[in-house]
PDB file of all heavy atoms in Angstrom:
ATOM      1  N   GLY A   1       0.801  -1.217   0.000  1.00  0.00           N
ATOM      2  CA  GLY A   1       0.000   0.000   0.000  1.00  0.00           C
ATOM      3  C   GLY A   1       0.833   1.265   0.000  1.00  0.00           C
ATOM      4  O   GLY A   1       0.335   2.346   0.330  1.00  0.00           O
ATOM      5  N   VAL A   2       2.129   1.153  -0.377  1.00  0.00           N
ATOM      6  CA  VAL A   2       3.020   2.308  -0.395  1.00  0.00           C
ATOM      7  C   VAL A   2       2.813   3.096  -1.687  1.00  0.00           C
ATOM      8  O   VAL A   2       2.892   2.539  -2.788  1.00  0.00           O
ATOM      9  CB  VAL A   2       4.492   1.868  -0.260  1.00  0.00           C
ATOM     10  CG1 VAL A   2       5.422   3.067  -0.399  1.00  0.00           C
ATOM     11  CG2 VAL A   2       4.725   1.183   1.072  1.00  0.00           C
ATOM     12  N   ASP A   3       2.574   4.389  -1.547  1.00  0.00           N
ATOM     13  CA  ASP A   3       2.336   5.231  -2.717  1.00  0.00           C
ATOM     14  C   ASP A   3       3.624   5.471  -3.487  1.00  0.00           C
ATOM     15  O   ASP A   3       4.720   5.508  -2.910  1.00  0.00           O
ATOM     16  CB  ASP A   3       1.758   6.573  -2.278  1.00  0.00           C
ATOM     17  CG  ASP A   3       1.314   7.414  -3.464  1.00  0.00           C
ATOM     18  OD1 ASP A   3       0.272   7.094  -4.071  1.00  0.00           O
ATOM     19  OD2 ASP A   3       2.037   8.392  -3.793  1.00  0.00           O
ATOM     20  N   LYS A   4       3.481   5.676  -4.794  1.00  0.00           N
ATOM     21  CA  LYS A   4       4.659   5.845  -5.647  1.00  0.00           C
ATOM     22  C   LYS A   4       5.475   7.079  -5.286  1.00  0.00           C
ATOM     23  O   LYS A   4       6.663   7.164  -5.619  1.00  0.00           O
ATOM     24  CB  LYS A   4       4.261   5.881  -7.117  1.00  0.00           C
ATOM     25  CG  LYS A   4       3.417   7.088  -7.522  1.00  0.00           C
ATOM     26  CD  LYS A   4       3.083   7.009  -9.008  1.00  0.00           C
ATOM     27  CE  LYS A   4       2.277   8.208  -9.458  1.00  0.00           C
ATOM     28  NZ  LYS A   4       1.953   8.133 -10.908  1.00  0.00           N
ATOM     29  N   SER A   5       4.879   8.041  -4.598  1.00  0.00           N
ATOM     30  CA  SER A   5       5.621   9.236  -4.194  1.00  0.00           C
ATOM     31  C   SER A   5       6.708   8.918  -3.171  1.00  0.00           C
ATOM     32  O   SER A   5       7.626   9.714  -2.961  1.00  0.00           O
ATOM     33  CB  SER A   5       4.663  10.280  -3.616  1.00  0.00           C
ATOM     34  OG  SER A   5       4.039   9.784  -2.429  1.00  0.00           O
ATOM     35  N   LYS A   6       6.610   7.771  -2.537  1.00  0.00           N
ATOM     36  CA  LYS A   6       7.603   7.358  -1.537  1.00  0.00           C
ATOM     37  C   LYS A   6       8.655   6.406  -2.106  1.00  0.00           C
ATOM     38  O   LYS A   6       9.487   5.892  -1.369  1.00  0.00           O
ATOM     39  CB  LYS A   6       6.905   6.664  -0.367  1.00  0.00           C
ATOM     40  CG  LYS A   6       6.027   7.574   0.473  1.00  0.00           C
ATOM     41  CD  LYS A   6       5.464   6.811   1.667  1.00  0.00           C
ATOM     42  CE  LYS A   6       4.666   7.719   2.584  1.00  0.00           C
ATOM     43  NZ  LYS A   6       4.162   6.993   3.760  1.00  0.00           N
ATOM     44  N   VAL A   7       8.604   6.166  -3.412  1.00  0.00           N
ATOM     45  CA  VAL A   7       9.489   5.178  -4.025  1.00  0.00           C
ATOM     46  C   VAL A   7      10.509   5.871  -4.923  1.00  0.00           C
ATOM     47  O   VAL A   7      10.166   6.760  -5.701  1.00  0.00           O
ATOM     48  CB  VAL A   7       8.686   4.148  -4.855  1.00  0.00           C
ATOM     49  CG1 VAL A   7       9.618   3.076  -5.427  1.00  0.00           C
ATOM     50  CG2 VAL A   7       7.597   3.509  -3.998  1.00  0.00           C
ATOM     51  N   LYS A   8      11.768   5.458  -4.807  1.00  0.00           N
ATOM     52  CA  LYS A   8      12.807   6.014  -5.672  1.00  0.00           C
ATOM     53  C   LYS A   8      13.698   4.891  -6.181  1.00  0.00           C
ATOM     54  O   LYS A   8      13.883   3.867  -5.505  1.00  0.00           O
ATOM     55  CB  LYS A   8      13.638   7.055  -4.915  1.00  0.00           C
ATOM     56  CG  LYS A   8      14.533   7.876  -5.833  1.00  0.00           C
ATOM     57  CD  LYS A   8      14.969   9.169  -5.190  1.00  0.00           C
ATOM     58  CE  LYS A   8      15.783   9.999  -6.182  1.00  0.00           C
ATOM     59  NZ  LYS A   8      16.212  11.288  -5.622  1.00  0.00           N
ATOM     60  N   PHE A   9      14.290   5.114  -7.356  1.00  0.00           N
ATOM     61  CA  PHE A   9      15.129   4.108  -8.001  1.00  0.00           C
ATOM     62  C   PHE A   9      16.551   4.645  -8.129  1.00  0.00           C
ATOM     63  O   PHE A   9      16.752   5.785  -8.526  1.00  0.00           O
ATOM     64  CB  PHE A   9      14.569   3.757  -9.380  1.00  0.00           C
ATOM     65  CG  PHE A   9      13.124   3.350  -9.343  1.00  0.00           C
ATOM     66  CD1 PHE A   9      12.114   4.277  -9.555  1.00  0.00           C
ATOM     67  CD2 PHE A   9      12.776   2.038  -9.069  1.00  0.00           C
ATOM     68  CE1 PHE A   9      10.781   3.912  -9.499  1.00  0.00           C
ATOM     69  CE2 PHE A   9      11.443   1.658  -9.014  1.00  0.00           C
ATOM     70  CZ  PHE A   9      10.442   2.592  -9.224  1.00  0.00           C
ATOM     71  N   TYR A  10      17.520   3.799  -7.806  1.00  0.00           N
ATOM     72  CA  TYR A  10      18.923   4.215  -7.817  1.00  0.00           C
ATOM     73  C   TYR A  10      19.733   3.348  -8.788  1.00  0.00           C
ATOM     74  O   TYR A  10      19.488   2.146  -8.907  1.00  0.00           O
ATOM     75  CB  TYR A  10      19.517   4.112  -6.408  1.00  0.00           C
ATOM     76  CG  TYR A  10      18.908   5.110  -5.461  1.00  0.00           C
ATOM     77  CD1 TYR A  10      17.785   4.782  -4.708  1.00  0.00           C
ATOM     78  CD2 TYR A  10      19.424   6.397  -5.352  1.00  0.00           C
ATOM     79  CE1 TYR A  10      17.204   5.703  -3.854  1.00  0.00           C
ATOM     80  CE2 TYR A  10      18.846   7.334  -4.493  1.00  0.00           C
ATOM     81  CZ  TYR A  10      17.739   6.973  -3.756  1.00  0.00           C
ATOM     82  OH  TYR A  10      17.158   7.898  -2.916  1.00  0.00           O
ATOM     83  N   ARG A  11      20.667   4.002  -9.452  1.00  0.00           N
ATOM     84  CA  ARG A  11      21.518   3.325 -10.426  1.00  0.00           C
ATOM     85  C   ARG A  11      22.240   2.136  -9.784  1.00  0.00           C
ATOM     86  O   ARG A  11      22.782   2.230  -8.688  1.00  0.00           O
ATOM     87  CB  ARG A  11      22.524   4.325 -10.992  1.00  0.00           C
ATOM     88  CG  ARG A  11      23.489   3.771 -12.019  1.00  0.00           C
ATOM     89  CD  ARG A  11      24.374   4.894 -12.543  1.00  0.00           C
ATOM     90  NE  ARG A  11      25.439   4.434 -13.423  1.00  0.00           N
ATOM     91  CZ  ARG A  11      26.722   4.667 -13.217  1.00  0.00           C
ATOM     92  NH1 ARG A  11      27.119   5.351 -12.136  1.00  0.00           N
ATOM     93  NH2 ARG A  11      27.644   4.249 -14.069  1.00  0.00           N
ATOM     94  N   HIS A  12      22.252   1.026 -10.494  1.00  0.00           N
ATOM     95  CA  HIS A  12      22.854  -0.220 -10.036  1.00  0.00           C
ATOM     96  C   HIS A  12      24.282  -0.013  -9.525  1.00  0.00           C
ATOM     97  O   HIS A  12      24.630  -0.398  -8.401  1.00  0.00           O
ATOM     98  CB  HIS A  12      22.834  -1.212 -11.210  1.00  0.00           C
ATOM     99  CG  HIS A  12      23.388  -2.560 -10.937  1.00  0.00           C
ATOM    100  ND1 HIS A  12      22.612  -3.699 -10.892  1.00  0.00           N
ATOM    101  CD2 HIS A  12      24.666  -2.985 -10.721  1.00  0.00           C
ATOM    102  CE1 HIS A  12      23.375  -4.747 -10.662  1.00  0.00           C
ATOM    103  NE2 HIS A  12      24.627  -4.345 -10.556  1.00  0.00           N
ATOM    104  N   GLU A  13      25.101   0.631 -10.350  1.00  0.00           N
ATOM    105  CA  GLU A  13      26.506   0.829  -9.993  1.00  0.00           C
ATOM    106  C   GLU A  13      26.667   1.714  -8.760  1.00  0.00           C
ATOM    107  O   GLU A  13      27.565   1.496  -7.930  1.00  0.00           O
ATOM    108  CB  GLU A  13      27.273   1.441 -11.171  1.00  0.00           C
ATOM    109  CG  GLU A  13      27.387   0.543 -12.386  1.00  0.00           C
ATOM    110  CD  GLU A  13      26.194   0.612 -13.327  1.00  0.00           C
ATOM    111  OE1 GLU A  13      25.107   1.064 -12.916  1.00  0.00           O
ATOM    112  OE2 GLU A  13      26.338   0.212 -14.495  1.00  0.00           O
ATOM    113  N   ASP A  14      25.805   2.719  -8.630  1.00  0.00           N
ATOM    114  CA  ASP A  14      25.878   3.613  -7.478  1.00  0.00           C
ATOM    115  C   ASP A  14      25.517   2.878  -6.188  1.00  0.00           C
ATOM    116  O   ASP A  14      26.043   3.202  -5.115  1.00  0.00           O
ATOM    117  CB  ASP A  14      24.970   4.821  -7.685  1.00  0.00           C
ATOM    118  CG  ASP A  14      25.441   5.718  -8.819  1.00  0.00           C
ATOM    119  OD1 ASP A  14      26.639   5.633  -9.185  1.00  0.00           O
ATOM    120  OD2 ASP A  14      24.624   6.491  -9.351  1.00  0.00           O
ATOM    121  N   CYS A  15      24.617   1.911  -6.297  1.00  0.00           N
ATOM    122  CA  CYS A  15      24.271   1.091  -5.126  1.00  0.00           C
ATOM    123  C   CYS A  15      25.482   0.269  -4.680  1.00  0.00           C
ATOM    124  O   CYS A  15      25.739   0.130  -3.473  1.00  0.00           O
ATOM    125  CB  CYS A  15      23.104   0.172  -5.450  1.00  0.00           C
ATOM    126  SG  CYS A  15      21.557   1.045  -5.789  1.00  0.00           S
ATOM    127  N   HIS A  16      26.226  -0.269  -5.637  1.00  0.00           N
ATOM    128  CA  HIS A  16      27.456  -0.998  -5.299  1.00  0.00           C
ATOM    129  C   HIS A  16      28.448  -0.080  -4.578  1.00  0.00           C
ATOM    130  O   HIS A  16      29.062  -0.467  -3.578  1.00  0.00           O
ATOM    131  CB  HIS A  16      28.119  -1.538  -6.570  1.00  0.00           C
ATOM    132  CG  HIS A  16      27.579  -2.849  -7.042  1.00  0.00           C
ATOM    133  ND1 HIS A  16      27.311  -3.902  -6.200  1.00  0.00           N
ATOM    134  CD2 HIS A  16      27.290  -3.298  -8.303  1.00  0.00           C
ATOM    135  CE1 HIS A  16      26.857  -4.936  -6.906  1.00  0.00           C
ATOM    136  NE2 HIS A  16      26.837  -4.587  -8.178  1.00  0.00           N
ATOM    137  N   LYS A  17      28.595   1.137  -5.099  1.00  0.00           N
ATOM    138  CA  LYS A  17      29.564   2.068  -4.496  1.00  0.00           C
ATOM    139  C   LYS A  17      29.174   2.422  -3.068  1.00  0.00           C
ATOM    140  O   LYS A  17      30.016   2.419  -2.160  1.00  0.00           O
ATOM    141  CB  LYS A  17      29.650   3.347  -5.334  1.00  0.00           C
ATOM    142  CG  LYS A  17      30.183   3.155  -6.740  1.00  0.00           C
ATOM    143  CD  LYS A  17      30.094   4.483  -7.483  1.00  0.00           C
ATOM    144  CE  LYS A  17      30.163   4.284  -8.978  1.00  0.00           C
ATOM    145  NZ  LYS A  17      29.972   5.557  -9.705  1.00  0.00           N
ATOM    146  N   ALA A  18      27.902   2.754  -2.874  1.00  0.00           N
ATOM    147  CA  ALA A  18      27.438   3.140  -1.541  1.00  0.00           C
ATOM    148  C   ALA A  18      27.590   1.995  -0.565  1.00  0.00           C
ATOM    149  O   ALA A  18      28.023   2.191   0.585  1.00  0.00           O
ATOM    150  CB  ALA A  18      25.983   3.596  -1.614  1.00  0.00           C
ATOM    151  N   TYR A  19      27.245   0.789  -1.018  1.00  0.00           N
ATOM    152  CA  TYR A  19      27.398  -0.363  -0.133  1.00  0.00           C
ATOM    153  C   TYR A  19      28.867  -0.549   0.243  1.00  0.00           C
ATOM    154  O   TYR A  19      29.196  -0.799   1.405  1.00  0.00           O
ATOM    155  CB  TYR A  19      26.866  -1.631  -0.802  1.00  0.00           C
ATOM    156  CG  TYR A  19      27.070  -2.854   0.067  1.00  0.00           C
ATOM    157  CD1 TYR A  19      26.243  -3.092   1.163  1.00  0.00           C
ATOM    158  CD2 TYR A  19      28.095  -3.760  -0.188  1.00  0.00           C
ATOM    159  CE1 TYR A  19      26.438  -4.191   1.977  1.00  0.00           C
ATOM    160  CE2 TYR A  19      28.297  -4.854   0.626  1.00  0.00           C
ATOM    161  CZ  TYR A  19      27.461  -5.069   1.708  1.00  0.00           C
ATOM    162  OH  TYR A  19      27.673  -6.159   2.518  1.00  0.00           O
ATOM    163  N   GLY A  20      29.749  -0.431  -0.744  1.00  0.00           N
ATOM    164  CA  GLY A  20      31.169  -0.620  -0.469  1.00  0.00           C
ATOM    165  C   GLY A  20      31.701   0.372   0.539  1.00  0.00           C
ATOM    166  O   GLY A  20      32.405   0.004   1.496  1.00  0.00           O
ATOM    167  N   ILE A  21      31.368   1.653   0.379  1.00  0.00           N
ATOM    168  CA  ILE A  21      31.877   2.699   1.271  1.00  0.00           C
ATOM    169  C   ILE A  21      31.285   2.579   2.671  1.00  0.00           C
ATOM    170  O   ILE A  21      31.998   2.567   3.686  1.00  0.00           O
ATOM    171  CB  ILE A  21      31.576   4.098   0.688  1.00  0.00           C
ATOM    172  CG1 ILE A  21      32.498   4.391  -0.502  1.00  0.00           C
ATOM    173  CG2 ILE A  21      31.715   5.185   1.764  1.00  0.00           C
ATOM    174  CD1 ILE A  21      33.963   4.587  -0.139  1.00  0.00           C
ATOM    175  N   PHE A  22      29.965   2.484   2.759  1.00  0.00           N
ATOM    176  CA  PHE A  22      29.306   2.579   4.066  1.00  0.00           C
ATOM    177  C   PHE A  22      29.320   1.268   4.853  1.00  0.00           C
ATOM    178  O   PHE A  22      29.048   1.275   6.054  1.00  0.00           O
ATOM    179  CB  PHE A  22      27.873   3.094   3.900  1.00  0.00           C
ATOM    180  CG  PHE A  22      27.799   4.469   3.313  1.00  0.00           C
ATOM    181  CD1 PHE A  22      26.966   4.752   2.234  1.00  0.00           C
ATOM    182  CD2 PHE A  22      28.577   5.499   3.825  1.00  0.00           C
ATOM    183  CE1 PHE A  22      26.901   6.025   1.695  1.00  0.00           C
ATOM    184  CE2 PHE A  22      28.523   6.785   3.287  1.00  0.00           C
ATOM    185  CZ  PHE A  22      27.686   7.047   2.215  1.00  0.00           C
ATOM    186  N   SER A  23      29.645   0.162   4.181  1.00  0.00           N
ATOM    187  CA  SER A  23      29.743  -1.110   4.919  1.00  0.00           C
ATOM    188  C   SER A  23      31.104  -1.277   5.577  1.00  0.00           C
ATOM    189  O   SER A  23      31.293  -2.178   6.397  1.00  0.00           O
ATOM    190  CB  SER A  23      29.477  -2.298   3.975  1.00  0.00           C
ATOM    191  OG  SER A  23      30.509  -2.404   2.996  1.00  0.00           O
ATOM    192  N   SER A  24      32.061  -0.417   5.241  1.00  0.00           N
ATOM    193  CA  SER A  24      33.414  -0.547   5.779  1.00  0.00           C
ATOM    194  C   SER A  24      33.426  -0.345   7.294  1.00  0.00           C
ATOM    195  O   SER A  24      32.860   0.632   7.796  1.00  0.00           O
ATOM    196  CB  SER A  24      34.340   0.484   5.126  1.00  0.00           C
ATOM    197  OG  SER A  24      35.587   0.531   5.807  1.00  0.00           O
ATOM    198  N   PRO A  25      34.072  -1.241   8.018  1.00  0.00           N
ATOM    199  CA  PRO A  25      34.183  -1.058   9.473  1.00  0.00           C
ATOM    200  C   PRO A  25      35.048   0.146   9.840  1.00  0.00           C
ATOM    201  O   PRO A  25      34.904   0.711  10.915  1.00  0.00           O
ATOM    202  CB  PRO A  25      34.817  -2.367   9.948  1.00  0.00           C
ATOM    203  CG  PRO A  25      35.497  -2.927   8.751  1.00  0.00           C
ATOM    204  CD  PRO A  25      34.689  -2.498   7.567  1.00  0.00           C
TER     205      PRO A  25
END
């Protein structure tokens, strides 16, 4: 029941980058 105004799509490669940076201990 989540409205489309609350949904966003992010570039595949950018998701990899963010995960790599922010997952670092």
